[in-house]
């Protein structure tokens, strides 16, 4: 288990699959995560079992209660970087700073335990709340990929962001 601030990150277990399915199929979450179709429980099982082999999937908990999902993926060990994803599935937990604590926990793990030097992510360009969160943590916008996803009848940009180990350390000091 990894902890930071008010959250703990626990490795995903099979008992979490139904909750993850509910979150990922939620109509307020589904389009923000750029998913292409609804998920069956079997989809979740396959994805989580694959992720457990090569990635670092976590459930975000507050006081022992799961509220969201995050993880590190796609590590390029030679180049010492990976990708990051995060979402809060429990709507009552939205806007309370739990995603910020979860990302800080993931970045601490990536840089201190896995000895990576860079973590990147992408967000939908119209997800202003997420982009503001990442910038507040020290992420830098590297690129805007125009019209990359067709969501709810319109094209949406992708924003590619990253943070280095040194940038993350500086963000903790400020």
N, C-alpha and C. Protein backbone atom coordinates (compact mmCIF):
# COMPACT_ATOMS: atom_id res chain seq x y z
N UNK A 1 0.84 -1.18 0.00
CA UNK A 1 0.00 0.00 0.00
C UNK A 1 0.88 1.24 0.00
N UNK A 2 0.44 2.26 -0.74
CA UNK A 2 1.14 3.53 -0.84
C UNK A 2 0.19 4.59 -0.28
N UNK A 3 0.71 5.47 0.54
CA UNK A 3 -0.13 6.53 1.11
C UNK A 3 0.48 7.89 0.86
N UNK A 4 -0.40 8.87 0.70
CA UNK A 4 0.02 10.26 0.60
C UNK A 4 -1.18 11.11 1.00
N UNK A 5 -0.95 12.05 1.90
CA UNK A 5 -2.05 12.92 2.33
C UNK A 5 -3.18 12.10 2.91
N UNK A 6 -4.36 12.25 2.33
CA UNK A 6 -5.55 11.58 2.84
C UNK A 6 -5.91 10.30 2.11
N UNK A 7 -5.09 9.90 1.14
CA UNK A 7 -5.43 8.71 0.35
C UNK A 7 -4.41 7.60 0.54
N UNK A 8 -4.87 6.40 0.26
CA UNK A 8 -4.01 5.23 0.17
C UNK A 8 -4.27 4.59 -1.18
N UNK A 9 -3.22 4.04 -1.77
CA UNK A 9 -3.35 3.32 -3.03
C UNK A 9 -3.13 1.85 -2.75
N UNK A 10 -4.11 1.05 -3.10
CA UNK A 10 -4.05 -0.39 -2.89
C UNK A 10 -4.11 -1.09 -4.25
N UNK A 11 -3.30 -2.11 -4.41
CA UNK A 11 -3.33 -2.87 -5.67
C UNK A 11 -4.75 -3.37 -5.92
N UNK A 12 -5.15 -3.34 -7.18
CA UNK A 12 -6.48 -3.78 -7.56
C UNK A 12 -6.61 -5.28 -7.28
N UNK A 13 -7.75 -5.64 -6.70
CA UNK A 13 -8.07 -7.04 -6.41
C UNK A 13 -9.37 -7.41 -7.13
N UNK A 14 -9.62 -8.71 -7.36
CA UNK A 14 -10.85 -9.12 -8.05
C UNK A 14 -12.13 -8.57 -7.39
N UNK A 15 -12.13 -8.39 -6.09
CA UNK A 15 -13.32 -7.85 -5.41
C UNK A 15 -13.62 -6.42 -5.87
N UNK A 16 -12.63 -5.71 -6.42
CA UNK A 16 -12.83 -4.35 -6.90
C UNK A 16 -13.45 -4.29 -8.30
N UNK A 17 -13.44 -5.39 -9.05
CA UNK A 17 -13.86 -5.36 -10.45
C UNK A 17 -15.27 -4.80 -10.65
N UNK A 18 -16.29 -5.24 -9.88
CA UNK A 18 -17.64 -4.68 -10.11
C UNK A 18 -17.69 -3.16 -9.88
N UNK A 19 -16.98 -2.68 -8.90
CA UNK A 19 -16.97 -1.24 -8.63
C UNK A 19 -16.27 -0.49 -9.76
N UNK A 20 -15.15 -1.02 -10.23
CA UNK A 20 -14.44 -0.40 -11.35
C UNK A 20 -15.33 -0.36 -12.58
N UNK A 21 -16.06 -1.45 -12.82
CA UNK A 21 -16.98 -1.49 -13.96
C UNK A 21 -18.05 -0.40 -13.83
N UNK A 22 -18.61 -0.26 -12.65
CA UNK A 22 -19.63 0.77 -12.42
C UNK A 22 -19.06 2.16 -12.68
N UNK A 23 -17.89 2.44 -12.14
CA UNK A 23 -17.26 3.75 -12.35
C UNK A 23 -16.99 4.00 -13.83
N UNK A 24 -16.35 3.05 -14.48
CA UNK A 24 -15.92 3.27 -15.86
C UNK A 24 -17.10 3.38 -16.83
N UNK A 25 -18.25 2.81 -16.47
CA UNK A 25 -19.43 2.92 -17.32
C UNK A 25 -20.32 4.10 -16.96
N UNK A 26 -19.97 4.84 -15.93
CA UNK A 26 -20.77 5.98 -15.51
C UNK A 26 -20.78 7.03 -16.63
N UNK A 27 -21.96 7.52 -17.03
CA UNK A 27 -22.02 8.47 -18.15
C UNK A 27 -21.31 9.80 -17.90
N UNK A 28 -21.01 10.14 -16.65
CA UNK A 28 -20.24 11.36 -16.39
C UNK A 28 -18.74 11.10 -16.41
N UNK A 29 -18.33 9.85 -16.25
CA UNK A 29 -16.91 9.49 -16.25
C UNK A 29 -16.47 8.96 -17.61
N UNK A 30 -17.31 8.14 -18.20
CA UNK A 30 -17.00 7.45 -19.46
C UNK A 30 -16.41 8.39 -20.52
N UNK A 31 -17.07 9.52 -20.86
CA UNK A 31 -16.50 10.37 -21.91
C UNK A 31 -15.22 11.09 -21.48
N UNK A 32 -15.05 11.40 -20.22
CA UNK A 32 -13.85 12.09 -19.73
C UNK A 32 -12.62 11.19 -19.81
N UNK A 33 -12.83 9.89 -19.78
CA UNK A 33 -11.71 8.95 -19.84
C UNK A 33 -11.43 8.49 -21.27
N UNK A 34 -12.21 8.99 -22.23
CA UNK A 34 -12.00 8.68 -23.65
C UNK A 34 -12.19 7.21 -23.97
N UNK A 35 -13.07 6.55 -23.22
CA UNK A 35 -13.38 5.16 -23.52
C UNK A 35 -14.21 5.09 -24.79
N UNK A 36 -14.09 3.96 -25.52
CA UNK A 36 -14.78 3.84 -26.79
C UNK A 36 -16.09 3.08 -26.70
N UNK A 37 -16.25 2.27 -25.67
CA UNK A 37 -17.49 1.51 -25.53
C UNK A 37 -17.66 1.12 -24.06
N UNK A 38 -18.88 0.78 -23.66
CA UNK A 38 -19.08 0.34 -22.28
C UNK A 38 -18.30 -0.95 -21.98
N UNK A 39 -18.05 -1.18 -20.71
CA UNK A 39 -17.26 -2.32 -20.26
C UNK A 39 -18.14 -3.39 -19.64
N UNK A 40 -17.86 -4.64 -20.00
CA UNK A 40 -18.48 -5.77 -19.30
C UNK A 40 -17.57 -6.11 -18.12
N UNK A 41 -18.08 -6.90 -17.21
CA UNK A 41 -17.26 -7.35 -16.09
C UNK A 41 -16.08 -8.17 -16.60
N UNK A 42 -16.29 -8.92 -17.67
CA UNK A 42 -15.20 -9.70 -18.27
C UNK A 42 -14.12 -8.77 -18.85
N UNK A 43 -14.54 -7.67 -19.47
CA UNK A 43 -13.57 -6.68 -19.96
C UNK A 43 -12.68 -6.19 -18.82
N UNK A 44 -13.32 -5.86 -17.69
CA UNK A 44 -12.58 -5.36 -16.53
C UNK A 44 -11.62 -6.42 -16.03
N UNK A 45 -12.10 -7.67 -15.90
CA UNK A 45 -11.25 -8.75 -15.41
C UNK A 45 -10.01 -8.91 -16.30
N UNK A 46 -10.21 -8.97 -17.60
CA UNK A 46 -9.08 -9.14 -18.53
C UNK A 46 -8.11 -7.97 -18.44
N UNK A 47 -8.64 -6.77 -18.42
CA UNK A 47 -7.80 -5.58 -18.36
C UNK A 47 -6.99 -5.54 -17.07
N UNK A 48 -7.64 -5.84 -15.96
CA UNK A 48 -6.95 -5.79 -14.67
C UNK A 48 -5.92 -6.91 -14.53
N UNK A 49 -6.23 -8.09 -15.03
CA UNK A 49 -5.26 -9.18 -14.96
C UNK A 49 -4.05 -8.89 -15.84
N UNK A 50 -4.29 -8.31 -17.01
CA UNK A 50 -3.17 -7.93 -17.87
C UNK A 50 -2.34 -6.84 -17.20
N UNK A 51 -3.02 -5.84 -16.64
CA UNK A 51 -2.33 -4.74 -15.98
C UNK A 51 -1.51 -5.19 -14.79
N UNK A 52 -2.00 -6.16 -14.05
CA UNK A 52 -1.30 -6.64 -12.87
C UNK A 52 0.03 -7.30 -13.22
N UNK A 53 0.15 -7.80 -14.44
CA UNK A 53 1.38 -8.48 -14.87
C UNK A 53 2.51 -7.50 -15.20
N UNK A 54 2.17 -6.37 -15.84
CA UNK A 54 3.21 -5.49 -16.37
C UNK A 54 3.07 -4.04 -15.92
N UNK A 55 2.02 -3.71 -15.21
CA UNK A 55 1.76 -2.32 -14.87
C UNK A 55 1.55 -2.18 -13.37
N UNK A 56 1.13 -1.01 -12.97
CA UNK A 56 0.94 -0.71 -11.55
C UNK A 56 -0.45 -0.12 -11.34
N UNK A 57 -1.49 -1.00 -11.37
CA UNK A 57 -2.86 -0.51 -11.19
C UNK A 57 -3.24 -0.44 -9.71
N UNK A 58 -3.90 0.67 -9.33
CA UNK A 58 -4.29 0.87 -7.95
C UNK A 58 -5.74 1.33 -7.84
N UNK A 59 -6.32 1.03 -6.70
CA UNK A 59 -7.58 1.63 -6.29
C UNK A 59 -7.23 2.71 -5.28
N UNK A 60 -7.86 3.87 -5.42
CA UNK A 60 -7.65 4.97 -4.48
C UNK A 60 -8.64 4.78 -3.34
N UNK A 61 -8.14 4.79 -2.11
CA UNK A 61 -9.00 4.64 -0.94
C UNK A 61 -8.87 5.84 -0.01
N UNK A 62 -9.98 6.17 0.62
CA UNK A 62 -10.01 7.16 1.68
C UNK A 62 -10.68 6.48 2.88
N UNK A 63 -9.94 6.36 3.96
CA UNK A 63 -10.48 5.69 5.13
C UNK A 63 -10.88 4.25 4.87
N UNK A 64 -10.17 3.58 3.97
CA UNK A 64 -10.46 2.19 3.64
C UNK A 64 -11.56 1.99 2.61
N UNK A 65 -12.20 3.08 2.15
CA UNK A 65 -13.27 2.99 1.16
C UNK A 65 -12.75 3.36 -0.22
N UNK A 66 -12.93 2.47 -1.21
CA UNK A 66 -12.48 2.79 -2.57
C UNK A 66 -13.29 3.96 -3.15
N UNK A 67 -12.56 4.92 -3.74
CA UNK A 67 -13.23 6.08 -4.35
C UNK A 67 -12.80 6.30 -5.79
N UNK A 68 -11.76 5.61 -6.26
CA UNK A 68 -11.28 5.85 -7.61
C UNK A 68 -10.20 4.90 -8.03
N UNK A 69 -9.62 5.21 -9.16
CA UNK A 69 -8.65 4.34 -9.83
C UNK A 69 -7.49 5.17 -10.31
N UNK A 70 -6.30 4.61 -10.27
CA UNK A 70 -5.12 5.27 -10.82
C UNK A 70 -4.07 4.22 -11.11
N UNK A 71 -3.04 4.63 -11.79
CA UNK A 71 -1.97 3.68 -12.05
C UNK A 71 -0.88 4.24 -12.93
N UNK A 72 0.15 3.45 -13.05
CA UNK A 72 1.28 3.72 -13.92
C UNK A 72 1.32 2.62 -14.96
N UNK A 73 1.66 2.96 -16.19
CA UNK A 73 1.63 1.96 -17.26
C UNK A 73 2.67 2.30 -18.33
N UNK A 74 2.89 1.33 -19.20
CA UNK A 74 3.73 1.56 -20.37
C UNK A 74 5.16 1.96 -20.07
N UNK A 75 5.71 1.44 -19.00
CA UNK A 75 7.08 1.83 -18.63
C UNK A 75 8.07 1.48 -19.73
N UNK A 76 8.93 2.43 -20.00
CA UNK A 76 10.08 2.23 -20.89
C UNK A 76 11.30 2.28 -19.98
N UNK A 77 11.70 1.10 -19.52
CA UNK A 77 12.72 1.02 -18.48
C UNK A 77 14.06 1.57 -18.93
N UNK A 78 14.43 1.33 -20.17
CA UNK A 78 15.70 1.86 -20.67
C UNK A 78 15.71 3.39 -20.60
N UNK A 79 14.57 3.99 -20.96
CA UNK A 79 14.47 5.45 -21.01
C UNK A 79 13.96 6.05 -19.70
N UNK A 80 13.53 5.19 -18.79
CA UNK A 80 13.12 5.54 -17.43
C UNK A 80 11.93 6.50 -17.38
N UNK A 81 10.86 6.16 -18.14
CA UNK A 81 9.62 6.92 -18.05
C UNK A 81 8.43 5.99 -18.19
N UNK A 82 7.27 6.50 -17.78
CA UNK A 82 6.03 5.73 -17.91
C UNK A 82 4.86 6.70 -18.04
N UNK A 83 3.67 6.14 -18.25
CA UNK A 83 2.44 6.91 -18.30
C UNK A 83 1.69 6.82 -16.98
N UNK A 84 0.75 7.74 -16.80
CA UNK A 84 -0.05 7.82 -15.57
C UNK A 84 -1.50 8.06 -15.94
N UNK A 85 -2.42 7.46 -15.17
CA UNK A 85 -3.85 7.77 -15.32
C UNK A 85 -4.46 7.86 -13.93
N UNK A 86 -5.55 8.61 -13.83
CA UNK A 86 -6.24 8.75 -12.55
C UNK A 86 -7.68 9.19 -12.81
N UNK A 87 -8.62 8.68 -12.02
CA UNK A 87 -9.97 9.22 -11.99
C UNK A 87 -10.60 8.90 -10.64
N UNK A 88 -11.46 9.79 -10.21
CA UNK A 88 -12.25 9.58 -9.00
C UNK A 88 -13.62 9.09 -9.47
N UNK A 89 -13.98 7.88 -9.11
CA UNK A 89 -15.24 7.29 -9.54
C UNK A 89 -16.41 7.62 -8.63
N UNK A 90 -16.14 7.83 -7.36
CA UNK A 90 -17.17 8.16 -6.39
C UNK A 90 -17.47 9.66 -6.47
N UNK A 91 -18.63 10.00 -7.01
CA UNK A 91 -18.96 11.41 -7.26
C UNK A 91 -19.01 12.25 -5.99
N UNK A 92 -19.34 11.65 -4.87
CA UNK A 92 -19.35 12.41 -3.61
C UNK A 92 -17.95 12.84 -3.20
N UNK A 93 -16.95 12.22 -3.79
CA UNK A 93 -15.55 12.54 -3.48
C UNK A 93 -14.94 13.53 -4.46
N UNK A 94 -15.70 13.95 -5.46
CA UNK A 94 -15.20 14.90 -6.45
C UNK A 94 -14.94 16.25 -5.78
N UNK A 95 -13.88 16.92 -6.23
CA UNK A 95 -13.60 18.27 -5.79
C UNK A 95 -13.02 18.38 -4.39
N UNK A 96 -12.57 17.28 -3.82
CA UNK A 96 -12.06 17.30 -2.46
C UNK A 96 -10.54 17.14 -2.38
N UNK A 97 -9.88 17.13 -3.52
CA UNK A 97 -8.42 17.06 -3.53
C UNK A 97 -7.85 15.64 -3.47
N UNK A 98 -8.71 14.64 -3.57
CA UNK A 98 -8.21 13.27 -3.49
C UNK A 98 -7.39 12.88 -4.71
N UNK A 99 -7.77 13.36 -5.89
CA UNK A 99 -6.98 13.06 -7.10
C UNK A 99 -5.59 13.65 -6.97
N UNK A 100 -5.48 14.84 -6.41
CA UNK A 100 -4.17 15.48 -6.24
C UNK A 100 -3.29 14.63 -5.32
N UNK A 101 -3.83 14.16 -4.21
CA UNK A 101 -3.07 13.30 -3.31
C UNK A 101 -2.69 11.99 -4.00
N UNK A 102 -3.62 11.43 -4.79
CA UNK A 102 -3.34 10.16 -5.49
C UNK A 102 -2.21 10.33 -6.50
N UNK A 103 -2.24 11.44 -7.24
CA UNK A 103 -1.18 11.67 -8.23
C UNK A 103 0.16 11.88 -7.52
N UNK A 104 0.15 12.61 -6.42
CA UNK A 104 1.41 12.78 -5.67
C UNK A 104 1.93 11.44 -5.17
N UNK A 105 1.04 10.58 -4.71
CA UNK A 105 1.45 9.24 -4.27
C UNK A 105 2.07 8.46 -5.43
N UNK A 106 1.42 8.50 -6.59
CA UNK A 106 1.94 7.79 -7.77
C UNK A 106 3.30 8.34 -8.20
N UNK A 107 3.42 9.66 -8.21
CA UNK A 107 4.68 10.26 -8.63
C UNK A 107 5.81 9.94 -7.65
N UNK A 108 5.50 9.96 -6.37
CA UNK A 108 6.51 9.58 -5.38
C UNK A 108 6.96 8.15 -5.62
N UNK A 109 6.02 7.25 -5.86
CA UNK A 109 6.32 5.85 -6.13
C UNK A 109 7.16 5.73 -7.42
N UNK A 110 6.74 6.43 -8.47
CA UNK A 110 7.44 6.34 -9.76
C UNK A 110 8.88 6.82 -9.65
N UNK A 111 9.07 7.93 -8.96
CA UNK A 111 10.41 8.53 -8.90
C UNK A 111 11.29 7.93 -7.82
N UNK A 112 10.74 7.60 -6.68
CA UNK A 112 11.56 7.12 -5.56
C UNK A 112 11.73 5.60 -5.55
N UNK A 113 10.65 4.87 -5.85
CA UNK A 113 10.72 3.41 -5.78
C UNK A 113 11.14 2.80 -7.12
N UNK A 114 10.52 3.28 -8.21
CA UNK A 114 10.82 2.70 -9.53
C UNK A 114 12.01 3.37 -10.20
N UNK A 115 12.51 4.48 -9.63
CA UNK A 115 13.67 5.20 -10.15
C UNK A 115 13.48 5.70 -11.57
N UNK A 116 12.25 6.15 -11.88
CA UNK A 116 12.00 6.74 -13.19
C UNK A 116 12.41 8.21 -13.16
N UNK A 117 12.56 8.79 -14.33
CA UNK A 117 12.95 10.20 -14.39
C UNK A 117 11.86 11.09 -14.98
N UNK A 118 10.83 10.49 -15.59
CA UNK A 118 9.77 11.26 -16.20
C UNK A 118 8.48 10.46 -16.17
N UNK A 119 7.37 11.14 -15.94
CA UNK A 119 6.04 10.53 -16.02
C UNK A 119 5.21 11.42 -16.94
N UNK A 120 4.50 10.77 -17.87
CA UNK A 120 3.68 11.53 -18.80
C UNK A 120 2.23 11.09 -18.71
N UNK A 121 1.35 11.91 -19.25
CA UNK A 121 -0.07 11.57 -19.31
C UNK A 121 -0.68 12.32 -20.46
N UNK A 122 -1.89 11.94 -20.81
CA UNK A 122 -2.65 12.79 -21.70
C UNK A 122 -4.02 12.97 -21.11
N UNK A 123 -4.60 14.11 -21.41
CA UNK A 123 -5.93 14.45 -20.96
C UNK A 123 -6.70 14.97 -22.15
N UNK A 124 -8.00 14.86 -22.10
CA UNK A 124 -8.79 15.50 -23.14
C UNK A 124 -8.65 17.01 -22.99
N UNK A 125 -8.48 17.69 -24.10
CA UNK A 125 -8.20 19.11 -24.08
C UNK A 125 -9.30 19.96 -23.46
N UNK A 126 -10.53 19.47 -23.45
CA UNK A 126 -11.62 20.25 -22.86
C UNK A 126 -11.87 19.91 -21.39
N UNK A 127 -11.02 19.05 -20.83
CA UNK A 127 -11.16 18.69 -19.41
C UNK A 127 -10.35 19.68 -18.58
N UNK A 128 -10.87 20.89 -18.48
CA UNK A 128 -10.15 21.99 -17.83
C UNK A 128 -9.77 21.66 -16.39
N UNK A 129 -10.66 21.00 -15.67
CA UNK A 129 -10.38 20.67 -14.26
C UNK A 129 -9.16 19.77 -14.15
N UNK A 130 -9.07 18.77 -15.02
CA UNK A 130 -7.93 17.85 -14.98
C UNK A 130 -6.64 18.57 -15.37
N UNK A 131 -6.69 19.36 -16.43
CA UNK A 131 -5.49 20.07 -16.88
C UNK A 131 -5.00 21.01 -15.78
N UNK A 132 -5.92 21.72 -15.12
CA UNK A 132 -5.52 22.61 -14.01
C UNK A 132 -4.88 21.81 -12.88
N UNK A 133 -5.45 20.64 -12.56
CA UNK A 133 -4.87 19.79 -11.52
C UNK A 133 -3.44 19.43 -11.87
N UNK A 134 -3.22 18.93 -13.07
CA UNK A 134 -1.88 18.49 -13.47
C UNK A 134 -0.89 19.65 -13.46
N UNK A 135 -1.31 20.81 -13.94
CA UNK A 135 -0.41 21.97 -13.92
C UNK A 135 -0.09 22.38 -12.48
N UNK A 136 -1.06 22.27 -11.58
CA UNK A 136 -0.82 22.64 -10.18
C UNK A 136 0.18 21.70 -9.52
N UNK A 137 0.32 20.51 -10.06
CA UNK A 137 1.27 19.53 -9.54
C UNK A 137 2.65 19.66 -10.17
N UNK A 138 2.79 20.54 -11.17
CA UNK A 138 4.08 20.74 -11.81
C UNK A 138 4.22 20.15 -13.19
N UNK A 139 3.16 19.54 -13.72
CA UNK A 139 3.21 19.00 -15.08
C UNK A 139 3.32 20.15 -16.08
N UNK A 140 4.02 19.89 -17.18
CA UNK A 140 4.18 20.83 -18.27
C UNK A 140 3.42 20.31 -19.48
N UNK A 141 2.69 21.19 -20.13
CA UNK A 141 2.01 20.80 -21.37
C UNK A 141 3.05 20.73 -22.47
N UNK A 142 3.20 19.56 -23.08
CA UNK A 142 4.19 19.37 -24.14
C UNK A 142 3.59 19.51 -25.52
N UNK A 143 2.32 19.13 -25.67
CA UNK A 143 1.72 19.16 -27.01
C UNK A 143 0.20 19.17 -26.89
N UNK A 144 -0.41 19.70 -27.91
CA UNK A 144 -1.86 19.62 -28.07
C UNK A 144 -2.08 18.92 -29.40
N UNK A 145 -2.67 17.74 -29.35
CA UNK A 145 -2.94 16.94 -30.54
C UNK A 145 -4.38 17.21 -30.95
N UNK A 146 -4.54 17.88 -32.05
CA UNK A 146 -5.85 18.37 -32.45
C UNK A 146 -6.79 17.26 -32.91
N UNK A 147 -8.05 17.39 -32.51
CA UNK A 147 -9.15 16.54 -32.99
C UNK A 147 -8.85 15.05 -32.89
N UNK A 148 -8.34 14.59 -31.77
CA UNK A 148 -7.93 13.19 -31.64
C UNK A 148 -9.04 12.24 -31.21
N UNK A 149 -10.09 12.77 -30.59
CA UNK A 149 -11.20 11.90 -30.16
C UNK A 149 -12.52 12.52 -30.57
N UNK A 150 -13.44 11.67 -31.03
CA UNK A 150 -14.78 12.12 -31.38
C UNK A 150 -15.70 11.71 -30.24
N UNK A 151 -16.12 12.67 -29.43
CA UNK A 151 -16.88 12.40 -28.21
C UNK A 151 -18.14 13.25 -28.21
N UNK A 152 -19.26 12.58 -28.01
CA UNK A 152 -20.55 13.27 -27.90
C UNK A 152 -20.79 14.23 -29.07
N UNK A 153 -20.49 13.76 -30.28
CA UNK A 153 -20.81 14.51 -31.47
C UNK A 153 -19.82 15.58 -31.89
N UNK A 154 -18.64 15.62 -31.27
CA UNK A 154 -17.66 16.63 -31.66
C UNK A 154 -16.24 16.10 -31.44
N UNK A 155 -15.30 16.71 -32.14
CA UNK A 155 -13.91 16.34 -31.97
C UNK A 155 -13.30 17.09 -30.79
N UNK A 156 -12.42 16.40 -30.06
CA UNK A 156 -11.77 16.95 -28.88
C UNK A 156 -10.27 16.73 -29.01
N UNK A 157 -9.49 17.74 -28.62
CA UNK A 157 -8.03 17.62 -28.62
C UNK A 157 -7.56 16.74 -27.48
N UNK A 158 -6.35 16.24 -27.61
CA UNK A 158 -5.64 15.59 -26.50
C UNK A 158 -4.52 16.54 -26.08
N UNK A 159 -4.32 16.66 -24.79
CA UNK A 159 -3.21 17.44 -24.24
C UNK A 159 -2.22 16.45 -23.64
N UNK A 160 -0.97 16.50 -24.11
CA UNK A 160 0.09 15.64 -23.60
C UNK A 160 0.88 16.45 -22.58
N UNK A 161 1.05 15.88 -21.38
CA UNK A 161 1.75 16.57 -20.31
C UNK A 161 2.77 15.63 -19.69
N UNK A 162 3.80 16.21 -19.07
CA UNK A 162 4.79 15.38 -18.38
C UNK A 162 5.38 16.15 -17.21
N UNK A 163 6.04 15.39 -16.36
CA UNK A 163 6.75 15.97 -15.22
C UNK A 163 8.01 15.14 -15.00
N UNK A 164 9.11 15.82 -14.71
CA UNK A 164 10.36 15.13 -14.39
C UNK A 164 10.48 14.97 -12.88
N UNK A 165 11.39 14.14 -12.49
CA UNK A 165 11.66 13.94 -11.06
C UNK A 165 12.00 15.28 -10.39
N UNK A 166 12.89 16.07 -11.01
CA UNK A 166 13.29 17.35 -10.41
C UNK A 166 12.13 18.32 -10.33
N UNK A 167 11.29 18.37 -11.37
CA UNK A 167 10.12 19.25 -11.34
C UNK A 167 9.17 18.85 -10.22
N UNK A 168 8.99 17.55 -10.03
CA UNK A 168 8.11 17.07 -8.97
C UNK A 168 8.67 17.47 -7.60
N UNK A 169 9.96 17.28 -7.40
CA UNK A 169 10.57 17.67 -6.12
C UNK A 169 10.36 19.17 -5.86
N UNK A 170 10.57 19.97 -6.89
CA UNK A 170 10.36 21.43 -6.73
C UNK A 170 8.90 21.75 -6.39
N UNK A 171 7.98 21.02 -6.99
CA UNK A 171 6.55 21.28 -6.73
C UNK A 171 6.19 20.98 -5.29
N UNK A 172 6.87 20.02 -4.67
CA UNK A 172 6.59 19.68 -3.28
C UNK A 172 7.13 20.75 -2.34
N UNK A 173 8.15 21.46 -2.78
CA UNK A 173 8.76 22.50 -1.94
C UNK A 173 7.96 23.81 -1.96
N UNK A 174 7.16 23.99 -3.00
CA UNK A 174 6.42 25.27 -3.09
C UNK A 174 5.04 25.20 -2.47
